[in-house]
Structures are given as structure tokens and as C-alpha cells.
Amino acid sequence: EDEINLAEALSQILKKQHYSVDAVHDGQE
């Protein structure tokens, strides 16, 4: 997700549900 604030918010939500999360912000990565 290239919207960094959204990606960070989603990461925090999922981590609170005990998922392991990685976030990247461009297509190739």
C-alpha cells in the first residue's frame, strides 16, 4: 500500500490481532 499512513494504521490493527505484518509501499518491492 503506497499510502504510508494507511499502511501503518493497517499494520497496527493487524498486529493487535496477533498477526505478523510486513508493509511495503511500491509495486516492485
Full PDB file with SEQRES, HELIX, SHEET, SSBOND, CRYST1, ORIGX, SCALE, CONECT and MASTER records, all heavy atoms in Angstrom:
SEQRES   1 A   29  GLU ASP GLU ILE ASN LEU ALA GLU ALA LEU SER GLN ILE          
SEQRES   2 A   29  LEU LYS LYS GLN HIS TYR SER VAL ASP ALA VAL HIS ASP          
SEQRES   3 A   29  GLY GLN GLU                                                  
HELIX    1 AA1 ILE A    4  LYS A   16  1                                  13    
CRYST1    1.000    1.000    1.000  90.00  90.00  90.00 P 1           1          
ORIGX1      1.000000  0.000000  0.000000        0.00000                         
ORIGX2      0.000000  1.000000  0.000000        0.00000                         
ORIGX3      0.000000  0.000000  1.000000        0.00000                         
SCALE1      1.000000  0.000000  0.000000        0.00000                         
SCALE2      0.000000  1.000000  0.000000        0.00000                         
SCALE3      0.000000  0.000000  1.000000        0.00000                         
ATOM      1  N   GLU A   1       0.852  -1.187   0.000  1.00  0.00           N  
ATOM      2  CA  GLU A   1       0.000   0.000   0.000  1.00  0.00           C  
ATOM      3  C   GLU A   1       0.892   1.242   0.000  1.00  0.00           C  
ATOM      4  O   GLU A   1       1.750   1.400   0.876  1.00  0.00           O  
ATOM      5  CB  GLU A   1      -0.906  -0.015   1.242  1.00  0.00           C  
ATOM      6  CG  GLU A   1      -1.649   1.268   1.533  1.00  0.00           C  
ATOM      7  CD  GLU A   1      -2.572   1.686   0.410  1.00  0.00           C  
ATOM      8  OE1 GLU A   1      -3.555   0.965   0.133  1.00  0.00           O  
ATOM      9  OE2 GLU A   1      -2.296   2.739  -0.201  1.00  0.00           O  
ATOM     10  N   ASP A   2       0.702   2.142  -0.994  1.00  0.00           N  
ATOM     11  CA  ASP A   2       1.581   3.307  -1.093  1.00  0.00           C  
ATOM     12  C   ASP A   2       1.148   4.469  -0.207  1.00  0.00           C  
ATOM     13  O   ASP A   2       1.918   5.417  -0.021  1.00  0.00           O  
ATOM     14  CB  ASP A   2       1.720   3.765  -2.545  1.00  0.00           C  
ATOM     15  CG  ASP A   2       0.417   4.273  -3.132  1.00  0.00           C  
ATOM     16  OD1 ASP A   2      -0.645   3.769  -2.724  1.00  0.00           O  
ATOM     17  OD2 ASP A   2       0.460   5.161  -4.001  1.00  0.00           O  
ATOM     18  N   GLU A   3      -0.061   4.428   0.346  1.00  0.00           N  
ATOM     19  CA  GLU A   3      -0.465   5.438   1.325  1.00  0.00           C  
ATOM     20  C   GLU A   3       0.144   5.031   2.671  1.00  0.00           C  
ATOM     21  O   GLU A   3      -0.375   4.151   3.369  1.00  0.00           O  
ATOM     22  CB  GLU A   3      -1.989   5.519   1.428  1.00  0.00           C  
ATOM     23  CG  GLU A   3      -2.656   6.029   0.155  1.00  0.00           C  
ATOM     24  CD  GLU A   3      -4.160   6.110   0.309  1.00  0.00           C  
ATOM     25  OE1 GLU A   3      -4.625   6.519   1.395  1.00  0.00           O  
ATOM     26  OE2 GLU A   3      -4.880   5.739  -0.633  1.00  0.00           O  
ATOM     27  N   ILE A   4       1.247   5.678   3.023  1.00  0.00           N  
ATOM     28  CA  ILE A   4       2.034   5.230   4.177  1.00  0.00           C  
ATOM     29  C   ILE A   4       1.223   5.273   5.469  1.00  0.00           C  
ATOM     30  O   ILE A   4       1.289   4.341   6.281  1.00  0.00           O  
ATOM     31  CB  ILE A   4       3.314   6.072   4.302  1.00  0.00           C  
ATOM     32  CG1 ILE A   4       4.219   5.811   3.084  1.00  0.00           C  
ATOM     33  CG2 ILE A   4       4.059   5.740   5.594  1.00  0.00           C  
ATOM     34  CD1 ILE A   4       5.468   6.655   3.049  1.00  0.00           C  
ATOM     35  N   ASN A   5       0.443   6.304   5.676  1.00  0.00           N  
ATOM     36  CA  ASN A   5      -0.358   6.390   6.902  1.00  0.00           C  
ATOM     37  C   ASN A   5      -1.360   5.244   6.994  1.00  0.00           C  
ATOM     38  O   ASN A   5      -1.563   4.669   8.068  1.00  0.00           O  
ATOM     39  CB  ASN A   5      -1.080   7.730   6.982  1.00  0.00           C  
ATOM     40  CG  ASN A   5      -0.136   8.889   7.229  1.00  0.00           C  
ATOM     41  OD1 ASN A   5       0.969   8.700   7.737  1.00  0.00           O  
ATOM     42  ND2 ASN A   5      -0.553  10.092   6.874  1.00  0.00           N  
ATOM     43  N   LEU A   6      -1.982   4.917   5.857  1.00  0.00           N  
ATOM     44  CA  LEU A   6      -2.933   3.805   5.845  1.00  0.00           C  
ATOM     45  C   LEU A   6      -2.218   2.491   6.111  1.00  0.00           C  
ATOM     46  O   LEU A   6      -2.694   1.655   6.886  1.00  0.00           O  
ATOM     47  CB  LEU A   6      -3.669   3.754   4.507  1.00  0.00           C  
ATOM     48  CG  LEU A   6      -4.623   2.568   4.305  1.00  0.00           C  
ATOM     49  CD1 LEU A   6      -5.687   2.528   5.392  1.00  0.00           C  
ATOM     50  CD2 LEU A   6      -5.264   2.628   2.917  1.00  0.00           C  
ATOM     51  N   ALA A   7      -1.067   2.297   5.478  1.00  0.00           N  
ATOM     52  CA  ALA A   7      -0.304   1.058   5.684  1.00  0.00           C  
ATOM     53  C   ALA A   7       0.094   0.901   7.142  1.00  0.00           C  
ATOM     54  O   ALA A   7       0.007  -0.195   7.716  1.00  0.00           O  
ATOM     55  CB  ALA A   7       0.924   1.051   4.789  1.00  0.00           C  
ATOM     56  N   GLU A   8       0.528   1.995   7.763  1.00  0.00           N  
ATOM     57  CA  GLU A   8       0.918   1.928   9.174  1.00  0.00           C  
ATOM     58  C   GLU A   8      -0.278   1.645  10.073  1.00  0.00           C  
ATOM     59  O   GLU A   8      -0.175   0.868  11.032  1.00  0.00           O  
ATOM     60  CB  GLU A   8       1.593   3.240   9.574  1.00  0.00           C  
ATOM     61  CG  GLU A   8       2.973   3.428   8.942  1.00  0.00           C  
ATOM     62  CD  GLU A   8       3.612   4.752   9.308  1.00  0.00           C  
ATOM     63  OE1 GLU A   8       2.906   5.605   9.911  1.00  0.00           O  
ATOM     64  OE2 GLU A   8       4.799   4.942   9.004  1.00  0.00           O  
ATOM     65  N   ALA A   9      -1.416   2.255   9.752  1.00  0.00           N  
ATOM     66  CA  ALA A   9      -2.620   2.008  10.545  1.00  0.00           C  
ATOM     67  C   ALA A   9      -3.063   0.548  10.425  1.00  0.00           C  
ATOM     68  O   ALA A   9      -3.410  -0.096  11.427  1.00  0.00           O  
ATOM     69  CB  ALA A   9      -3.747   2.941  10.101  1.00  0.00           C  
ATOM     70  N   LEU A  10      -3.046   0.014   9.207  1.00  0.00           N  
ATOM     71  CA  LEU A  10      -3.413  -1.384   8.999  1.00  0.00           C  
ATOM     72  C   LEU A  10      -2.451  -2.312   9.739  1.00  0.00           C  
ATOM     73  O   LEU A  10      -2.875  -3.311  10.339  1.00  0.00           O  
ATOM     74  CB  LEU A  10      -3.404  -1.712   7.509  1.00  0.00           C  
ATOM     75  CG  LEU A  10      -4.554  -1.155   6.678  1.00  0.00           C  
ATOM     76  CD1 LEU A  10      -4.304  -1.417   5.193  1.00  0.00           C  
ATOM     77  CD2 LEU A  10      -5.877  -1.776   7.106  1.00  0.00           C  
ATOM     78  N   SER A  11      -1.173  -1.982   9.706  1.00  0.00           N  
ATOM     79  CA  SER A  11      -0.179  -2.803  10.403  1.00  0.00           C  
ATOM     80  C   SER A  11      -0.491  -2.883  11.886  1.00  0.00           C  
ATOM     81  O   SER A  11      -0.455  -3.966  12.489  1.00  0.00           O  
ATOM     82  CB  SER A  11       1.228  -2.239  10.199  1.00  0.00           C  
ATOM     83  OG  SER A  11       1.619  -2.311   8.855  1.00  0.00           O  
ATOM     84  N   GLN A  12      -0.806  -1.749  12.489  1.00  0.00           N  
ATOM     85  CA  GLN A  12      -1.098  -1.735  13.922  1.00  0.00           C  
ATOM     86  C   GLN A  12      -2.365  -2.517  14.244  1.00  0.00           C  
ATOM     87  O   GLN A  12      -2.420  -3.262  15.239  1.00  0.00           O  
ATOM     88  CB  GLN A  12      -1.234  -0.282  14.414  1.00  0.00           C  
ATOM     89  CG  GLN A  12       0.064   0.499  14.385  1.00  0.00           C  
ATOM     90  CD  GLN A  12       1.169  -0.179  15.172  1.00  0.00           C  
ATOM     91  OE1 GLN A  12       0.986  -0.599  16.322  1.00  0.00           O  
ATOM     92  NE2 GLN A  12       2.340  -0.307  14.550  1.00  0.00           N  
ATOM     93  N   ILE A  13      -3.385  -2.372  13.411  1.00  0.00           N  
ATOM     94  CA  ILE A  13      -4.638  -3.105  13.623  1.00  0.00           C  
ATOM     95  C   ILE A  13      -4.394  -4.608  13.580  1.00  0.00           C  
ATOM     96  O   ILE A  13      -4.857  -5.369  14.441  1.00  0.00           O  
ATOM     97  CB  ILE A  13      -5.674  -2.696  12.557  1.00  0.00           C  
ATOM     98  CG1 ILE A  13      -6.158  -1.267  12.807  1.00  0.00           C  
ATOM     99  CG2 ILE A  13      -6.859  -3.674  12.543  1.00  0.00           C  
ATOM    100  CD1 ILE A  13      -6.915  -0.662  11.643  1.00  0.00           C  
ATOM    101  N   LEU A  14      -3.640  -5.057  12.581  1.00  0.00           N  
ATOM    102  CA  LEU A  14      -3.402  -6.489  12.412  1.00  0.00           C  
ATOM    103  C   LEU A  14      -2.489  -7.038  13.504  1.00  0.00           C  
ATOM    104  O   LEU A  14      -2.676  -8.164  13.976  1.00  0.00           O  
ATOM    105  CB  LEU A  14      -2.809  -6.760  11.032  1.00  0.00           C  
ATOM    106  CG  LEU A  14      -3.753  -6.479   9.865  1.00  0.00           C  
ATOM    107  CD1 LEU A  14      -3.013  -6.585   8.546  1.00  0.00           C  
ATOM    108  CD2 LEU A  14      -4.945  -7.429   9.885  1.00  0.00           C  
ATOM    109  N   LYS A  15      -1.509  -6.245  13.921  1.00  0.00           N  
ATOM    110  CA  LYS A  15      -0.624  -6.706  14.998  1.00  0.00           C  
ATOM    111  C   LYS A  15      -1.387  -6.873  16.305  1.00  0.00           C  
ATOM    112  O   LYS A  15      -1.094  -7.780  17.091  1.00  0.00           O  
ATOM    113  CB  LYS A  15       0.542  -5.732  15.172  1.00  0.00           C  
ATOM    114  CG  LYS A  15       1.571  -5.829  14.047  1.00  0.00           C  
ATOM    115  CD  LYS A  15       2.653  -4.772  14.170  1.00  0.00           C  
ATOM    116  CE  LYS A  15       3.654  -4.874  13.029  1.00  0.00           C  
ATOM    117  NZ  LYS A  15       4.681  -3.815  13.078  1.00  0.00           N  
ATOM    118  N   LYS A  16      -2.382  -6.015  16.542  1.00  0.00           N  
ATOM    119  CA  LYS A  16      -3.211  -6.159  17.742  1.00  0.00           C  
ATOM    120  C   LYS A  16      -4.026  -7.451  17.706  1.00  0.00           C  
ATOM    121  O   LYS A  16      -4.437  -7.966  18.749  1.00  0.00           O  
ATOM    122  CB  LYS A  16      -4.140  -4.957  17.894  1.00  0.00           C  
ATOM    123  CG  LYS A  16      -3.425  -3.697  18.347  1.00  0.00           C  
ATOM    124  CD  LYS A  16      -4.389  -2.527  18.495  1.00  0.00           C  
ATOM    125  CE  LYS A  16      -3.650  -1.273  18.935  1.00  0.00           C  
ATOM    126  NZ  LYS A  16      -4.569  -0.107  19.054  1.00  0.00           N  
ATOM    127  N   GLN A  17      -4.261  -7.975  16.496  1.00  0.00           N  
ATOM    128  CA  GLN A  17      -4.953  -9.259  16.336  1.00  0.00           C  
ATOM    129  C   GLN A  17      -3.958 -10.423  16.320  1.00  0.00           C  
ATOM    130  O   GLN A  17      -4.321 -11.542  16.022  1.00  0.00           O  
ATOM    131  CB  GLN A  17      -5.758  -9.253  15.035  1.00  0.00           C  
ATOM    132  CG  GLN A  17      -6.828  -8.172  14.964  1.00  0.00           C  
ATOM    133  CD  GLN A  17      -7.890  -8.341  16.022  1.00  0.00           C  
ATOM    134  OE1 GLN A  17      -8.402  -9.440  16.224  1.00  0.00           O  
ATOM    135  NE2 GLN A  17      -8.234  -7.249  16.708  1.00  0.00           N  
ATOM    136  N   HIS A  18      -2.700 -10.128  16.625  1.00  0.00           N  
ATOM    137  CA  HIS A  18      -1.624 -11.125  16.732  1.00  0.00           C  
ATOM    138  C   HIS A  18      -1.220 -11.732  15.387  1.00  0.00           C  
ATOM    139  O   HIS A  18      -0.737 -12.862  15.342  1.00  0.00           O  
ATOM    140  CB  HIS A  18      -1.987 -12.222  17.743  1.00  0.00           C  
ATOM    141  CG  HIS A  18      -2.317 -11.685  19.097  1.00  0.00           C  
ATOM    142  ND1 HIS A  18      -1.413 -10.964  19.845  1.00  0.00           N  
ATOM    143  CD2 HIS A  18      -3.458 -11.747  19.836  1.00  0.00           C  
ATOM    144  CE1 HIS A  18      -1.981 -10.610  20.986  1.00  0.00           C  
ATOM    145  NE2 HIS A  18      -3.215 -11.053  21.003  1.00  0.00           N  
ATOM    146  N   TYR A  19      -1.411 -10.956  14.311  1.00  0.00           N  
ATOM    147  CA  TYR A  19      -0.817 -11.346  13.043  1.00  0.00           C  
ATOM    148  C   TYR A  19       0.589 -10.747  12.974  1.00  0.00           C  
ATOM    149  O   TYR A  19       0.842  -9.664  13.512  1.00  0.00           O  
ATOM    150  CB  TYR A  19      -1.626 -10.808  11.858  1.00  0.00           C  
ATOM    151  CG  TYR A  19      -3.004 -11.399  11.697  1.00  0.00           C  
ATOM    152  CD1 TYR A  19      -4.135 -10.669  12.053  1.00  0.00           C  
ATOM    153  CD2 TYR A  19      -3.183 -12.681  11.181  1.00  0.00           C  
ATOM    154  CE1 TYR A  19      -5.412 -11.201  11.899  1.00  0.00           C  
ATOM    155  CE2 TYR A  19      -4.450 -13.218  11.022  1.00  0.00           C  
ATOM    156  CZ  TYR A  19      -5.559 -12.480  11.388  1.00  0.00           C  
ATOM    157  OH  TYR A  19      -6.818 -13.007  11.236  1.00  0.00           O  
ATOM    158  N   SER A  20       1.502 -11.438  12.304  1.00  0.00           N  
ATOM    159  CA  SER A  20       2.790 -10.847  11.962  1.00  0.00           C  
ATOM    160  C   SER A  20       2.602 -10.082  10.652  1.00  0.00           C  
ATOM    161  O   SER A  20       1.945 -10.592   9.738  1.00  0.00           O  
ATOM    162  CB  SER A  20       3.857 -11.932  11.791  1.00  0.00           C  
ATOM    163  OG  SER A  20       4.058 -12.630  12.999  1.00  0.00           O  
ATOM    164  N   VAL A  21       3.163  -8.880  10.566  1.00  0.00           N  
ATOM    165  CA  VAL A  21       2.857  -8.000   9.443  1.00  0.00           C  
ATOM    166  C   VAL A  21       4.135  -7.379   8.876  1.00  0.00           C  
ATOM    167  O   VAL A  21       5.008  -6.923   9.625  1.00  0.00           O  
ATOM    168  CB  VAL A  21       1.907  -6.860   9.876  1.00  0.00           C  
ATOM    169  CG1 VAL A  21       1.557  -5.971   8.672  1.00  0.00           C  
ATOM    170  CG2 VAL A  21       0.648  -7.416  10.507  1.00  0.00           C  
ATOM    171  N   ASP A  22       4.227  -7.366   7.540  1.00  0.00           N  
ATOM    172  CA  ASP A  22       5.225  -6.577   6.829  1.00  0.00           C  
ATOM    173  C   ASP A  22       4.471  -5.627   5.905  1.00  0.00           C  
ATOM    174  O   ASP A  22       3.434  -6.002   5.335  1.00  0.00           O  
ATOM    175  CB  ASP A  22       6.151  -7.465   5.997  1.00  0.00           C  
ATOM    176  CG  ASP A  22       7.008  -8.381   6.864  1.00  0.00           C  
ATOM    177  OD1 ASP A  22       7.485  -7.922   7.910  1.00  0.00           O  
ATOM    178  OD2 ASP A  22       7.197  -9.553   6.487  1.00  0.00           O  
ATOM    179  N   ALA A  23       4.978  -4.409   5.759  1.00  0.00           N  
ATOM    180  CA  ALA A  23       4.339  -3.433   4.869  1.00  0.00           C  
ATOM    181  C   ALA A  23       5.378  -2.836   3.932  1.00  0.00           C  
ATOM    182  O   ALA A  23       6.473  -2.458   4.370  1.00  0.00           O  
ATOM    183  CB  ALA A  23       3.663  -2.330   5.678  1.00  0.00           C  
ATOM    184  N   VAL A  24       5.036  -2.770   2.646  1.00  0.00           N  
ATOM    185  CA  VAL A  24       5.886  -2.125   1.649  1.00  0.00           C  
ATOM    186  C   VAL A  24       5.025  -1.146   0.862  1.00  0.00           C  
ATOM    187  O   VAL A  24       3.793  -1.259   0.846  1.00  0.00           O  
ATOM    188  CB  VAL A  24       6.558  -3.146   0.716  1.00  0.00           C  
ATOM    189  CG1 VAL A  24       7.490  -4.057   1.500  1.00  0.00           C  
ATOM    190  CG2 VAL A  24       5.523  -3.982  -0.033  1.00  0.00           C  
ATOM    191  N   HIS A  25       5.701  -0.199   0.183  1.00  0.00           N  
ATOM    192  CA  HIS A  25       4.952   0.926  -0.375  1.00  0.00           C  
ATOM    193  C   HIS A  25       5.110   1.120  -1.876  1.00  0.00           C  
ATOM    194  O   HIS A  25       4.652   2.132  -2.414  1.00  0.00           O  
ATOM    195  CB  HIS A  25       5.361   2.207   0.365  1.00  0.00           C  
ATOM    196  CG  HIS A  25       5.307   2.073   1.850  1.00  0.00           C  
ATOM    197  ND1 HIS A  25       4.143   1.774   2.527  1.00  0.00           N  
ATOM    198  CD2 HIS A  25       6.292   2.147   2.789  1.00  0.00           C  
ATOM    199  CE1 HIS A  25       4.406   1.701   3.829  1.00  0.00           C  
ATOM    200  NE2 HIS A  25       5.695   1.907   4.014  1.00  0.00           N  
ATOM    201  N   ASP A  26       5.767   0.186  -2.565  1.00  0.00           N  
ATOM    202  CA  ASP A  26       5.819   0.279  -4.026  1.00  0.00           C  
ATOM    203  C   ASP A  26       5.651  -1.111  -4.622  1.00  0.00           C  
ATOM    204  O   ASP A  26       5.871  -2.129  -3.952  1.00  0.00           O  
ATOM    205  CB  ASP A  26       7.106   0.931  -4.512  1.00  0.00           C  
ATOM    206  CG  ASP A  26       8.334   0.070  -4.290  1.00  0.00           C  
ATOM    207  OD1 ASP A  26       8.565  -0.855  -5.088  1.00  0.00           O  
ATOM    208  OD2 ASP A  26       9.061   0.318  -3.313  1.00  0.00           O  
ATOM    209  N   GLY A  27       5.285  -1.126  -5.909  1.00  0.00           N  
ATOM    210  CA  GLY A  27       4.912  -2.378  -6.548  1.00  0.00           C  
ATOM    211  C   GLY A  27       6.036  -3.384  -6.676  1.00  0.00           C  
ATOM    212  O   GLY A  27       5.848  -4.575  -6.434  1.00  0.00           O  
ATOM    213  N   GLN A  28       7.223  -2.935  -7.049  1.00  0.00           N  
ATOM    214  CA  GLN A  28       8.320  -3.882  -7.250  1.00  0.00           C  
ATOM    215  C   GLN A  28       8.719  -4.558  -5.947  1.00  0.00           C  
ATOM    216  O   GLN A  28       8.937  -5.769  -5.910  1.00  0.00           O  
ATOM    217  CB  GLN A  28       9.532  -3.165  -7.857  1.00  0.00           C  
ATOM    218  CG  GLN A  28      10.680  -4.108  -8.218  1.00  0.00           C  
ATOM    219  CD  GLN A  28      10.276  -5.161  -9.227  1.00  0.00           C  
ATOM    220  OE1 GLN A  28       9.831  -4.828 -10.334  1.00  0.00           O  
ATOM    221  NE2 GLN A  28      10.420  -6.441  -8.883  1.00  0.00           N  
ATOM    222  N   GLU A  29       8.801  -3.777  -4.871  1.00  0.00           N  
ATOM    223  CA  GLU A  29       9.123  -4.370  -3.574  1.00  0.00           C  
ATOM    224  C   GLU A  29       8.011  -5.310  -3.128  1.00  0.00           C  
ATOM    225  O   GLU A  29       8.262  -6.358  -2.539  1.00  0.00           O  
ATOM    226  CB  GLU A  29       9.360  -3.277  -2.532  1.00  0.00           C  
ATOM    227  CG  GLU A  29       9.949  -3.810  -1.236  1.00  0.00           C  
ATOM    228  CD  GLU A  29      10.307  -2.709  -0.244  1.00  0.00           C  
ATOM    229  OE1 GLU A  29      10.062  -1.523  -0.553  1.00  0.00           O  
ATOM    230  OE2 GLU A  29      10.829  -3.048   0.839  1.00  0.00           O  
TER     231      GLU A  29                                                      
MASTER        0    0    0    1    0    0    0    6  230    1    0    3          
END                                                                             
